[in-house]
Amino acid sequence: MNVSGEQHFLYHDFPDGDHRSSPDRDQWLANLRASGAAYLVTGHYDLPEFPIEDRWASGDSERFEPIVLDSGCRLYRVRIWPSDSAR
C-alpha cells in the first residue's frame, strides 16, 4: 500500500521513483481504506527496523488490532474505520 501518493500510483509515478521518501499517514490510511483491506502485514527482514506503516498501525488501536507480533513480521486486523460505524 502506498505511503504517499494516490492508491493507484505505480513506482514510476513517484518523483525519482522513490515511493517512500515522503510518507503521509493520512494518505496511507485513505489508500488502505479504499482498498478494503482486512489485514495489514509488516516486516523488516533485511532492514534495520520495521517500516513506518508498523509505527502507524501500532499507535492506532482504534483501527488496528495486533494479531501476531514477532521479531520479523507483524500482523494486524484492520478494524471497522471509526467514521464507518454504520457499515
N, C-alpha and C. Protein backbone atom coordinates (compact mmCIF):
# COMPACT_ATOMS: atom_id res chain seq x y z
N MET A 1 0.84 -1.16 0.00
CA MET A 1 0.00 0.00 0.00
C MET A 1 0.90 1.23 0.00
N ASN A 2 0.62 2.15 -0.88
CA ASN A 2 1.43 3.37 -0.96
C ASN A 2 1.35 4.18 0.33
N VAL A 3 2.50 4.67 0.79
CA VAL A 3 2.54 5.52 1.98
C VAL A 3 2.52 6.99 1.60
N SER A 4 2.52 7.27 0.33
CA SER A 4 2.35 8.63 -0.19
C SER A 4 1.78 8.48 -1.59
N GLY A 5 1.18 9.51 -2.10
CA GLY A 5 0.59 9.41 -3.43
C GLY A 5 -0.71 8.64 -3.41
N GLU A 6 -1.38 8.65 -4.52
CA GLU A 6 -2.67 8.00 -4.64
C GLU A 6 -2.54 6.48 -4.62
N GLN A 7 -3.63 5.82 -4.30
CA GLN A 7 -3.63 4.36 -4.20
C GLN A 7 -3.19 3.71 -5.51
N HIS A 8 -3.58 4.29 -6.63
CA HIS A 8 -3.29 3.68 -7.94
C HIS A 8 -1.89 4.00 -8.46
N PHE A 9 -1.13 4.86 -7.76
CA PHE A 9 0.20 5.24 -8.24
C PHE A 9 1.09 4.00 -8.34
N LEU A 10 1.85 3.95 -9.41
CA LEU A 10 2.85 2.90 -9.59
C LEU A 10 4.22 3.50 -9.32
N TYR A 11 5.22 2.65 -9.23
CA TYR A 11 6.57 3.09 -8.90
C TYR A 11 7.00 4.29 -9.75
N HIS A 12 6.74 4.24 -11.05
CA HIS A 12 7.19 5.31 -11.94
C HIS A 12 6.39 6.60 -11.80
N ASP A 13 5.30 6.59 -11.05
CA ASP A 13 4.50 7.80 -10.82
C ASP A 13 5.10 8.69 -9.74
N PHE A 14 6.06 8.19 -9.00
CA PHE A 14 6.66 8.96 -7.92
C PHE A 14 7.92 9.67 -8.42
N PRO A 15 8.13 10.91 -7.95
CA PRO A 15 9.36 11.62 -8.35
C PRO A 15 10.59 10.78 -8.00
N ASP A 16 11.48 10.67 -8.90
CA ASP A 16 12.72 9.89 -8.72
C ASP A 16 12.46 8.42 -8.40
N GLY A 17 11.22 7.97 -8.60
CA GLY A 17 10.90 6.57 -8.34
C GLY A 17 10.96 6.17 -6.88
N ASP A 18 11.01 7.15 -5.98
CA ASP A 18 11.13 6.85 -4.55
C ASP A 18 9.76 6.95 -3.89
N HIS A 19 9.07 5.84 -3.80
CA HIS A 19 7.71 5.82 -3.27
C HIS A 19 7.63 5.91 -1.75
N ARG A 20 8.77 5.96 -1.07
CA ARG A 20 8.77 6.02 0.39
C ARG A 20 9.43 7.27 0.93
N SER A 21 9.76 8.23 0.07
CA SER A 21 10.53 9.39 0.52
C SER A 21 9.72 10.39 1.33
N SER A 22 8.43 10.49 1.10
CA SER A 22 7.59 11.47 1.82
C SER A 22 6.35 10.79 2.37
N PRO A 23 6.51 9.95 3.38
CA PRO A 23 5.35 9.23 3.89
C PRO A 23 4.29 10.17 4.47
N ASP A 24 3.05 9.85 4.21
CA ASP A 24 1.92 10.67 4.64
C ASP A 24 0.89 9.73 5.26
N ARG A 25 0.76 9.77 6.56
CA ARG A 25 -0.13 8.85 7.28
C ARG A 25 -1.57 8.96 6.79
N ASP A 26 -2.05 10.17 6.63
CA ASP A 26 -3.44 10.35 6.19
C ASP A 26 -3.68 9.77 4.81
N GLN A 27 -2.72 9.97 3.90
CA GLN A 27 -2.86 9.42 2.55
C GLN A 27 -2.80 7.90 2.60
N TRP A 28 -1.91 7.36 3.41
CA TRP A 28 -1.80 5.91 3.56
C TRP A 28 -3.10 5.32 4.09
N LEU A 29 -3.67 5.97 5.12
CA LEU A 29 -4.94 5.49 5.67
C LEU A 29 -6.04 5.54 4.62
N ALA A 30 -6.08 6.62 3.84
CA ALA A 30 -7.09 6.73 2.78
C ALA A 30 -6.91 5.62 1.75
N ASN A 31 -5.67 5.34 1.38
CA ASN A 31 -5.39 4.27 0.42
C ASN A 31 -5.77 2.91 0.99
N LEU A 32 -5.45 2.68 2.24
CA LEU A 32 -5.77 1.41 2.89
C LEU A 32 -7.28 1.23 2.99
N ARG A 33 -7.95 2.28 3.38
CA ARG A 33 -9.42 2.23 3.49
C ARG A 33 -10.04 1.93 2.13
N ALA A 34 -9.58 2.63 1.09
CA ALA A 34 -10.13 2.44 -0.26
C ALA A 34 -9.89 1.02 -0.76
N SER A 35 -8.82 0.40 -0.31
CA SER A 35 -8.51 -0.96 -0.76
C SER A 35 -9.44 -2.01 -0.15
N GLY A 36 -10.06 -1.68 0.97
CA GLY A 36 -10.91 -2.64 1.65
C GLY A 36 -10.14 -3.73 2.39
N ALA A 37 -8.87 -3.49 2.65
CA ALA A 37 -8.03 -4.49 3.32
C ALA A 37 -8.60 -4.88 4.68
N ALA A 38 -8.55 -6.16 4.98
CA ALA A 38 -9.00 -6.66 6.28
C ALA A 38 -7.82 -6.88 7.22
N TYR A 39 -6.61 -7.04 6.66
CA TYR A 39 -5.41 -7.28 7.44
C TYR A 39 -4.26 -6.43 6.91
N LEU A 40 -3.32 -6.15 7.80
CA LEU A 40 -2.09 -5.44 7.44
C LEU A 40 -0.93 -6.29 7.93
N VAL A 41 0.01 -6.56 7.05
CA VAL A 41 1.22 -7.30 7.41
C VAL A 41 2.40 -6.37 7.21
N THR A 42 3.27 -6.29 8.22
CA THR A 42 4.51 -5.53 8.08
C THR A 42 5.67 -6.44 8.42
N GLY A 43 6.80 -6.17 7.84
CA GLY A 43 8.00 -6.95 8.12
C GLY A 43 9.23 -6.13 7.81
N HIS A 44 10.35 -6.49 8.42
CA HIS A 44 11.57 -5.73 8.14
C HIS A 44 12.69 -6.57 7.56
N TYR A 45 12.62 -7.86 7.68
CA TYR A 45 13.56 -8.79 7.05
C TYR A 45 14.98 -8.27 7.07
N ASP A 46 15.49 -7.72 5.97
CA ASP A 46 16.88 -7.27 5.95
C ASP A 46 17.03 -5.78 6.24
N LEU A 47 15.98 -5.13 6.68
CA LEU A 47 16.05 -3.72 7.07
C LEU A 47 16.34 -3.63 8.57
N PRO A 48 16.91 -2.52 9.03
CA PRO A 48 17.23 -2.41 10.46
C PRO A 48 16.01 -2.31 11.37
N GLU A 49 14.88 -1.86 10.84
CA GLU A 49 13.69 -1.73 11.68
C GLU A 49 12.43 -1.91 10.83
N PHE A 50 11.30 -2.00 11.50
CA PHE A 50 10.03 -2.13 10.79
C PHE A 50 9.74 -0.84 10.02
N PRO A 51 8.98 -0.95 8.93
CA PRO A 51 8.65 0.24 8.15
C PRO A 51 7.68 1.15 8.91
N ILE A 52 7.54 2.35 8.43
CA ILE A 52 6.71 3.35 9.10
C ILE A 52 5.26 2.90 9.26
N GLU A 53 4.76 2.07 8.36
CA GLU A 53 3.39 1.58 8.47
C GLU A 53 3.17 0.85 9.80
N ASP A 54 4.20 0.15 10.27
CA ASP A 54 4.07 -0.56 11.54
C ASP A 54 3.94 0.42 12.69
N ARG A 55 4.70 1.48 12.67
CA ARG A 55 4.60 2.50 13.71
C ARG A 55 3.20 3.12 13.71
N TRP A 56 2.70 3.43 12.52
CA TRP A 56 1.36 4.00 12.42
C TRP A 56 0.31 3.03 12.95
N ALA A 57 0.39 1.77 12.57
CA ALA A 57 -0.60 0.78 13.00
C ALA A 57 -0.51 0.51 14.50
N SER A 58 0.69 0.36 15.02
CA SER A 58 0.84 0.04 16.44
C SER A 58 0.39 1.20 17.33
N GLY A 59 0.38 2.40 16.80
CA GLY A 59 -0.05 3.56 17.56
C GLY A 59 -1.52 3.91 17.37
N ASP A 60 -2.27 3.07 16.69
CA ASP A 60 -3.68 3.36 16.39
C ASP A 60 -4.54 2.14 16.70
N SER A 61 -4.75 1.89 17.99
CA SER A 61 -5.50 0.70 18.40
C SER A 61 -6.98 0.79 18.04
N GLU A 62 -7.45 1.97 17.68
CA GLU A 62 -8.84 2.11 17.26
C GLU A 62 -9.07 1.46 15.89
N ARG A 63 -8.03 1.49 15.03
CA ARG A 63 -8.17 0.96 13.68
C ARG A 63 -7.45 -0.37 13.46
N PHE A 64 -6.43 -0.66 14.30
CA PHE A 64 -5.60 -1.83 14.06
C PHE A 64 -5.48 -2.68 15.32
N GLU A 65 -5.84 -3.95 15.20
CA GLU A 65 -5.74 -4.89 16.31
C GLU A 65 -4.57 -5.82 16.05
N PRO A 66 -3.55 -5.82 16.92
CA PRO A 66 -2.42 -6.72 16.71
C PRO A 66 -2.85 -8.18 16.87
N ILE A 67 -2.46 -9.00 15.91
CA ILE A 67 -2.76 -10.43 15.93
C ILE A 67 -1.48 -11.21 16.21
N VAL A 68 -0.43 -10.92 15.45
CA VAL A 68 0.87 -11.56 15.62
C VAL A 68 1.93 -10.46 15.66
N LEU A 69 2.75 -10.49 16.70
CA LEU A 69 3.86 -9.55 16.82
C LEU A 69 5.11 -10.36 17.10
N ASP A 70 5.95 -10.53 16.11
CA ASP A 70 7.20 -11.23 16.37
C ASP A 70 8.37 -10.40 15.86
N SER A 71 9.55 -10.95 15.94
CA SER A 71 10.74 -10.17 15.65
C SER A 71 10.92 -9.80 14.18
N GLY A 72 10.26 -10.50 13.27
CA GLY A 72 10.45 -10.20 11.85
C GLY A 72 9.20 -9.81 11.11
N CYS A 73 8.03 -10.09 11.71
CA CYS A 73 6.77 -9.87 11.00
C CYS A 73 5.68 -9.52 12.00
N ARG A 74 4.79 -8.64 11.59
CA ARG A 74 3.65 -8.28 12.43
C ARG A 74 2.38 -8.30 11.60
N LEU A 75 1.33 -8.81 12.19
CA LEU A 75 0.03 -8.91 11.53
C LEU A 75 -1.00 -8.16 12.37
N TYR A 76 -1.74 -7.29 11.71
CA TYR A 76 -2.81 -6.53 12.36
C TYR A 76 -4.12 -6.79 11.63
N ARG A 77 -5.20 -6.88 12.41
CA ARG A 77 -6.53 -6.90 11.82
C ARG A 77 -6.95 -5.44 11.65
N VAL A 78 -7.43 -5.10 10.47
CA VAL A 78 -7.92 -3.75 10.24
C VAL A 78 -9.36 -3.73 10.74
N ARG A 79 -9.60 -2.91 11.75
CA ARG A 79 -10.94 -2.82 12.33
C ARG A 79 -11.82 -1.92 11.47
N ILE A 80 -13.11 -1.98 11.72
CA ILE A 80 -14.01 -1.07 11.02
C ILE A 80 -13.56 0.35 11.32
N TRP A 81 -13.47 1.14 10.30
CA TRP A 81 -13.00 2.51 10.45
C TRP A 81 -13.94 3.28 11.38
N PRO A 82 -13.40 4.03 12.34
CA PRO A 82 -14.23 4.75 13.30
C PRO A 82 -15.34 5.57 12.65
N SER A 83 -15.07 6.20 11.53
CA SER A 83 -16.08 7.02 10.87
C SER A 83 -17.08 6.18 10.08
N ASP A 84 -16.84 4.87 10.01
CA ASP A 84 -17.70 3.98 9.24
C ASP A 84 -18.51 3.05 10.14
N SER A 85 -18.83 3.47 11.34
CA SER A 85 -19.51 2.58 12.28
C SER A 85 -20.86 2.12 11.76
N ALA A 86 -21.41 2.83 10.78
CA ALA A 86 -22.70 2.44 10.22
C ALA A 86 -22.58 1.35 9.17
N ARG A 87 -21.36 1.00 8.76
CA ARG A 87 -21.16 -0.02 7.72
C ARG A 87 -21.66 -1.35 8.14
